[in-house]
């Protein structure tokens, strides 16, 4: 596992959390709960970005969730690989 790729994975997760995930959450909400009370998808995404600016925890959780999950996943995978190397006696 190459640590140089970690920054690209984390950047992709951040972009996904900020620009793609709100649209997916909106579509899921429409199908489960019905129309958004303040308008359509643009209103929902606008409220999401306003929540980011106003430092609302729910907006930041949505934005940073994928980033944190990918970071934990990459860190856990790195730890497992390092333990496997140590068990084999390899030097990294």
N, C-alpha and C. Protein backbone atom coordinates (compact mmCIF):
# COMPACT_ATOMS: atom_id res chain seq x y z
N UNK A 1 0.86 -1.18 0.00
CA UNK A 1 0.00 0.00 0.00
C UNK A 1 0.90 1.23 0.00
N UNK A 2 0.65 2.10 -0.91
CA UNK A 2 1.49 3.28 -1.10
C UNK A 2 0.90 4.47 -0.37
N UNK A 3 1.68 5.08 0.52
CA UNK A 3 1.17 6.21 1.29
C UNK A 3 0.97 7.45 0.42
N UNK A 4 1.60 7.49 -0.74
CA UNK A 4 1.41 8.65 -1.63
C UNK A 4 -0.02 8.69 -2.16
N UNK A 5 -0.67 7.54 -2.25
CA UNK A 5 -2.04 7.50 -2.75
C UNK A 5 -3.06 7.90 -1.70
N UNK A 6 -2.68 7.91 -0.42
CA UNK A 6 -3.62 8.24 0.64
C UNK A 6 -4.24 9.62 0.44
N UNK A 7 -3.43 10.59 0.05
CA UNK A 7 -3.97 11.94 -0.11
C UNK A 7 -5.01 12.01 -1.22
N UNK A 8 -4.86 11.19 -2.26
CA UNK A 8 -5.84 11.18 -3.34
C UNK A 8 -7.14 10.51 -2.89
N UNK A 9 -7.00 9.42 -2.13
CA UNK A 9 -8.20 8.78 -1.58
C UNK A 9 -8.95 9.74 -0.67
N UNK A 10 -8.23 10.44 0.20
CA UNK A 10 -8.87 11.37 1.13
C UNK A 10 -9.49 12.56 0.40
N UNK A 11 -8.81 13.06 -0.62
CA UNK A 11 -9.37 14.16 -1.40
C UNK A 11 -10.64 13.71 -2.12
N UNK A 12 -10.61 12.53 -2.70
CA UNK A 12 -11.80 12.00 -3.39
C UNK A 12 -12.96 11.83 -2.41
N UNK A 13 -12.67 11.37 -1.21
CA UNK A 13 -13.72 11.20 -0.20
C UNK A 13 -14.29 12.54 0.23
N UNK A 14 -13.44 13.55 0.36
CA UNK A 14 -13.91 14.88 0.74
C UNK A 14 -14.78 15.48 -0.36
N UNK A 15 -14.35 15.37 -1.60
CA UNK A 15 -15.15 15.87 -2.73
C UNK A 15 -16.49 15.15 -2.80
N UNK A 16 -16.46 13.82 -2.59
CA UNK A 16 -17.70 13.05 -2.58
C UNK A 16 -18.64 13.52 -1.47
N UNK A 17 -18.10 13.73 -0.27
CA UNK A 17 -18.91 14.15 0.87
C UNK A 17 -19.50 15.54 0.72
N UNK A 18 -18.81 16.42 0.03
CA UNK A 18 -19.28 17.80 -0.11
C UNK A 18 -20.17 17.99 -1.33
N UNK A 19 -19.85 17.33 -2.45
CA UNK A 19 -20.57 17.62 -3.69
C UNK A 19 -21.52 16.53 -4.16
N UNK A 20 -21.29 15.28 -3.80
CA UNK A 20 -22.13 14.19 -4.31
C UNK A 20 -23.11 13.69 -3.25
N UNK A 21 -22.63 13.47 -2.05
CA UNK A 21 -23.45 12.89 -0.99
C UNK A 21 -24.70 13.71 -0.66
N UNK A 22 -24.65 15.05 -0.64
CA UNK A 22 -25.89 15.79 -0.37
C UNK A 22 -26.99 15.50 -1.41
N UNK A 23 -26.63 15.32 -2.66
CA UNK A 23 -27.62 14.99 -3.69
C UNK A 23 -28.21 13.61 -3.45
N UNK A 24 -27.37 12.67 -3.03
CA UNK A 24 -27.85 11.32 -2.74
C UNK A 24 -28.77 11.34 -1.52
N UNK A 25 -28.41 12.10 -0.51
CA UNK A 25 -29.25 12.22 0.69
C UNK A 25 -30.59 12.86 0.32
N UNK A 26 -30.56 13.87 -0.52
CA UNK A 26 -31.80 14.51 -0.95
C UNK A 26 -32.70 13.49 -1.67
N UNK A 27 -32.14 12.76 -2.63
CA UNK A 27 -32.95 11.78 -3.39
C UNK A 27 -33.51 10.70 -2.48
N UNK A 28 -32.71 10.23 -1.53
CA UNK A 28 -33.19 9.23 -0.58
C UNK A 28 -34.33 9.80 0.26
N UNK A 29 -34.15 11.02 0.72
CA UNK A 29 -35.20 11.67 1.52
C UNK A 29 -36.49 11.84 0.76
N UNK A 30 -36.40 12.21 -0.50
CA UNK A 30 -37.60 12.37 -1.31
C UNK A 30 -38.34 11.05 -1.45
N UNK A 31 -37.60 9.97 -1.68
CA UNK A 31 -38.24 8.67 -1.86
C UNK A 31 -38.78 8.11 -0.56
N UNK A 32 -38.17 8.44 0.56
CA UNK A 32 -38.61 7.89 1.85
C UNK A 32 -39.65 8.79 2.51
N UNK A 33 -39.39 10.11 2.54
CA UNK A 33 -40.22 11.03 3.30
C UNK A 33 -41.11 11.93 2.45
N UNK A 34 -40.86 12.02 1.17
CA UNK A 34 -41.62 12.92 0.31
C UNK A 34 -40.81 14.17 0.00
N UNK A 35 -41.49 15.16 -0.55
CA UNK A 35 -40.79 16.36 -1.00
C UNK A 35 -40.17 17.13 0.16
N UNK A 36 -39.09 17.83 -0.16
CA UNK A 36 -38.39 18.64 0.82
C UNK A 36 -39.23 19.87 1.12
N UNK A 37 -39.38 20.21 2.38
CA UNK A 37 -40.30 21.27 2.80
C UNK A 37 -39.93 22.64 2.23
N UNK A 38 -38.66 22.90 2.00
CA UNK A 38 -38.25 24.23 1.54
C UNK A 38 -38.06 24.32 0.03
N UNK A 39 -38.38 23.27 -0.70
CA UNK A 39 -38.22 23.32 -2.15
C UNK A 39 -37.64 22.04 -2.70
N UNK A 40 -36.87 22.16 -3.75
CA UNK A 40 -36.30 21.00 -4.42
C UNK A 40 -34.87 20.71 -3.99
N UNK A 41 -34.17 20.02 -4.88
CA UNK A 41 -32.80 19.60 -4.60
C UNK A 41 -31.88 20.79 -4.41
N UNK A 42 -32.08 21.83 -5.21
CA UNK A 42 -31.21 23.01 -5.10
C UNK A 42 -31.37 23.67 -3.74
N UNK A 43 -32.60 23.73 -3.24
CA UNK A 43 -32.83 24.31 -1.91
C UNK A 43 -32.17 23.46 -0.83
N UNK A 44 -32.26 22.15 -0.96
CA UNK A 44 -31.64 21.26 0.01
C UNK A 44 -30.12 21.44 0.03
N UNK A 45 -29.52 21.44 -1.15
CA UNK A 45 -28.06 21.58 -1.23
C UNK A 45 -27.65 22.98 -0.75
N UNK A 46 -28.46 23.99 -1.08
CA UNK A 46 -28.18 25.33 -0.57
C UNK A 46 -28.23 25.38 0.95
N UNK A 47 -29.22 24.71 1.55
CA UNK A 47 -29.29 24.63 3.02
C UNK A 47 -28.08 23.89 3.58
N UNK A 48 -27.63 22.86 2.86
CA UNK A 48 -26.44 22.12 3.29
C UNK A 48 -25.21 23.03 3.31
N UNK A 49 -25.00 23.80 2.24
CA UNK A 49 -23.83 24.69 2.20
C UNK A 49 -23.96 25.82 3.22
N UNK A 50 -25.17 26.31 3.44
CA UNK A 50 -25.36 27.31 4.50
C UNK A 50 -25.04 26.71 5.86
N UNK A 51 -25.38 25.44 6.05
CA UNK A 51 -25.03 24.75 7.29
C UNK A 51 -23.53 24.61 7.47
N UNK A 52 -22.81 24.39 6.37
CA UNK A 52 -21.35 24.33 6.46
C UNK A 52 -20.78 25.68 6.90
N UNK A 53 -21.29 26.75 6.30
CA UNK A 53 -20.80 28.09 6.64
C UNK A 53 -21.15 28.44 8.08
N UNK A 54 -22.35 28.03 8.52
CA UNK A 54 -22.80 28.34 9.88
C UNK A 54 -22.24 27.33 10.91
N UNK A 55 -21.42 26.41 10.47
CA UNK A 55 -20.79 25.38 11.30
C UNK A 55 -21.85 24.58 12.06
N UNK A 56 -22.79 24.05 11.32
CA UNK A 56 -23.80 23.16 11.89
C UNK A 56 -23.25 21.73 11.86
N UNK A 57 -23.39 21.03 12.98
CA UNK A 57 -22.77 19.71 13.11
C UNK A 57 -23.29 18.73 12.07
N UNK A 58 -24.58 18.79 11.72
CA UNK A 58 -25.14 17.81 10.79
C UNK A 58 -24.60 18.01 9.38
N UNK A 59 -24.35 19.23 8.97
CA UNK A 59 -23.77 19.48 7.65
C UNK A 59 -22.32 19.01 7.61
N UNK A 60 -21.58 19.29 8.67
CA UNK A 60 -20.18 18.87 8.71
C UNK A 60 -20.04 17.37 8.84
N UNK A 61 -20.98 16.72 9.53
CA UNK A 61 -20.96 15.26 9.61
C UNK A 61 -21.16 14.65 8.24
N UNK A 62 -22.10 15.20 7.48
CA UNK A 62 -22.35 14.70 6.13
C UNK A 62 -21.13 14.95 5.23
N UNK A 63 -20.53 16.10 5.35
CA UNK A 63 -19.39 16.44 4.49
C UNK A 63 -18.14 15.64 4.84
N UNK A 64 -17.88 15.45 6.13
CA UNK A 64 -16.63 14.81 6.56
C UNK A 64 -16.77 13.32 6.81
N UNK A 65 -17.99 12.80 6.80
CA UNK A 65 -18.19 11.37 7.04
C UNK A 65 -17.38 10.48 6.12
N UNK A 66 -17.49 10.64 4.81
CA UNK A 66 -16.69 9.80 3.91
C UNK A 66 -15.18 9.99 4.11
N UNK A 67 -14.76 11.21 4.37
CA UNK A 67 -13.34 11.50 4.61
C UNK A 67 -12.84 10.71 5.82
N UNK A 68 -13.61 10.73 6.90
CA UNK A 68 -13.22 10.01 8.11
C UNK A 68 -13.24 8.50 7.91
N UNK A 69 -14.25 8.01 7.21
CA UNK A 69 -14.32 6.57 6.95
C UNK A 69 -13.14 6.09 6.10
N UNK A 70 -12.82 6.83 5.06
CA UNK A 70 -11.68 6.45 4.21
C UNK A 70 -10.38 6.55 4.99
N UNK A 71 -10.24 7.58 5.81
CA UNK A 71 -9.04 7.72 6.63
C UNK A 71 -8.88 6.55 7.60
N UNK A 72 -9.97 6.15 8.25
CA UNK A 72 -9.91 5.00 9.14
C UNK A 72 -9.61 3.72 8.38
N UNK A 73 -10.25 3.56 7.23
CA UNK A 73 -10.04 2.38 6.40
C UNK A 73 -8.58 2.28 5.96
N UNK A 74 -8.02 3.37 5.48
CA UNK A 74 -6.62 3.36 5.01
C UNK A 74 -5.67 3.13 6.19
N UNK A 75 -5.95 3.76 7.34
CA UNK A 75 -5.10 3.56 8.51
C UNK A 75 -5.15 2.13 9.02
N UNK A 76 -6.34 1.55 9.04
CA UNK A 76 -6.49 0.16 9.48
C UNK A 76 -5.79 -0.78 8.51
N UNK A 77 -5.95 -0.56 7.22
CA UNK A 77 -5.28 -1.40 6.22
C UNK A 77 -3.77 -1.28 6.34
N UNK A 78 -3.28 -0.07 6.58
CA UNK A 78 -1.83 0.14 6.74
C UNK A 78 -1.32 -0.60 7.97
N UNK A 79 -2.10 -0.56 9.05
CA UNK A 79 -1.71 -1.26 10.27
C UNK A 79 -1.68 -2.78 10.04
N UNK A 80 -2.67 -3.30 9.35
CA UNK A 80 -2.69 -4.74 9.06
C UNK A 80 -1.51 -5.15 8.18
N UNK A 81 -1.21 -4.34 7.18
CA UNK A 81 -0.08 -4.65 6.30
C UNK A 81 1.24 -4.61 7.07
N UNK A 82 1.39 -3.65 7.96
CA UNK A 82 2.61 -3.54 8.74
C UNK A 82 2.74 -4.73 9.70
N UNK A 83 1.63 -5.17 10.29
CA UNK A 83 1.66 -6.33 11.17
C UNK A 83 1.99 -7.60 10.39
N UNK A 84 1.46 -7.72 9.17
CA UNK A 84 1.75 -8.88 8.34
C UNK A 84 3.23 -8.90 7.96
N UNK A 85 3.78 -7.74 7.63
CA UNK A 85 5.21 -7.66 7.31
C UNK A 85 6.06 -8.02 8.51
N UNK A 86 5.67 -7.54 9.69
CA UNK A 86 6.43 -7.83 10.90
C UNK A 86 6.37 -9.33 11.21
N UNK A 87 5.24 -9.95 10.99
CA UNK A 87 5.10 -11.38 11.25
C UNK A 87 5.97 -12.20 10.29
N UNK A 88 6.14 -11.72 9.07
CA UNK A 88 6.99 -12.42 8.09
C UNK A 88 8.46 -12.08 8.28
N UNK A 89 8.75 -11.02 9.01
CA UNK A 89 10.13 -10.61 9.21
C UNK A 89 10.64 -9.68 8.11
N UNK A 90 9.73 -9.17 7.27
CA UNK A 90 10.13 -8.22 6.22
C UNK A 90 10.44 -6.87 6.85
N UNK A 91 11.25 -6.11 6.15
CA UNK A 91 11.53 -4.73 6.58
C UNK A 91 10.83 -3.79 5.62
N UNK A 92 10.14 -2.78 6.17
CA UNK A 92 9.43 -1.82 5.32
C UNK A 92 10.11 -0.49 5.31
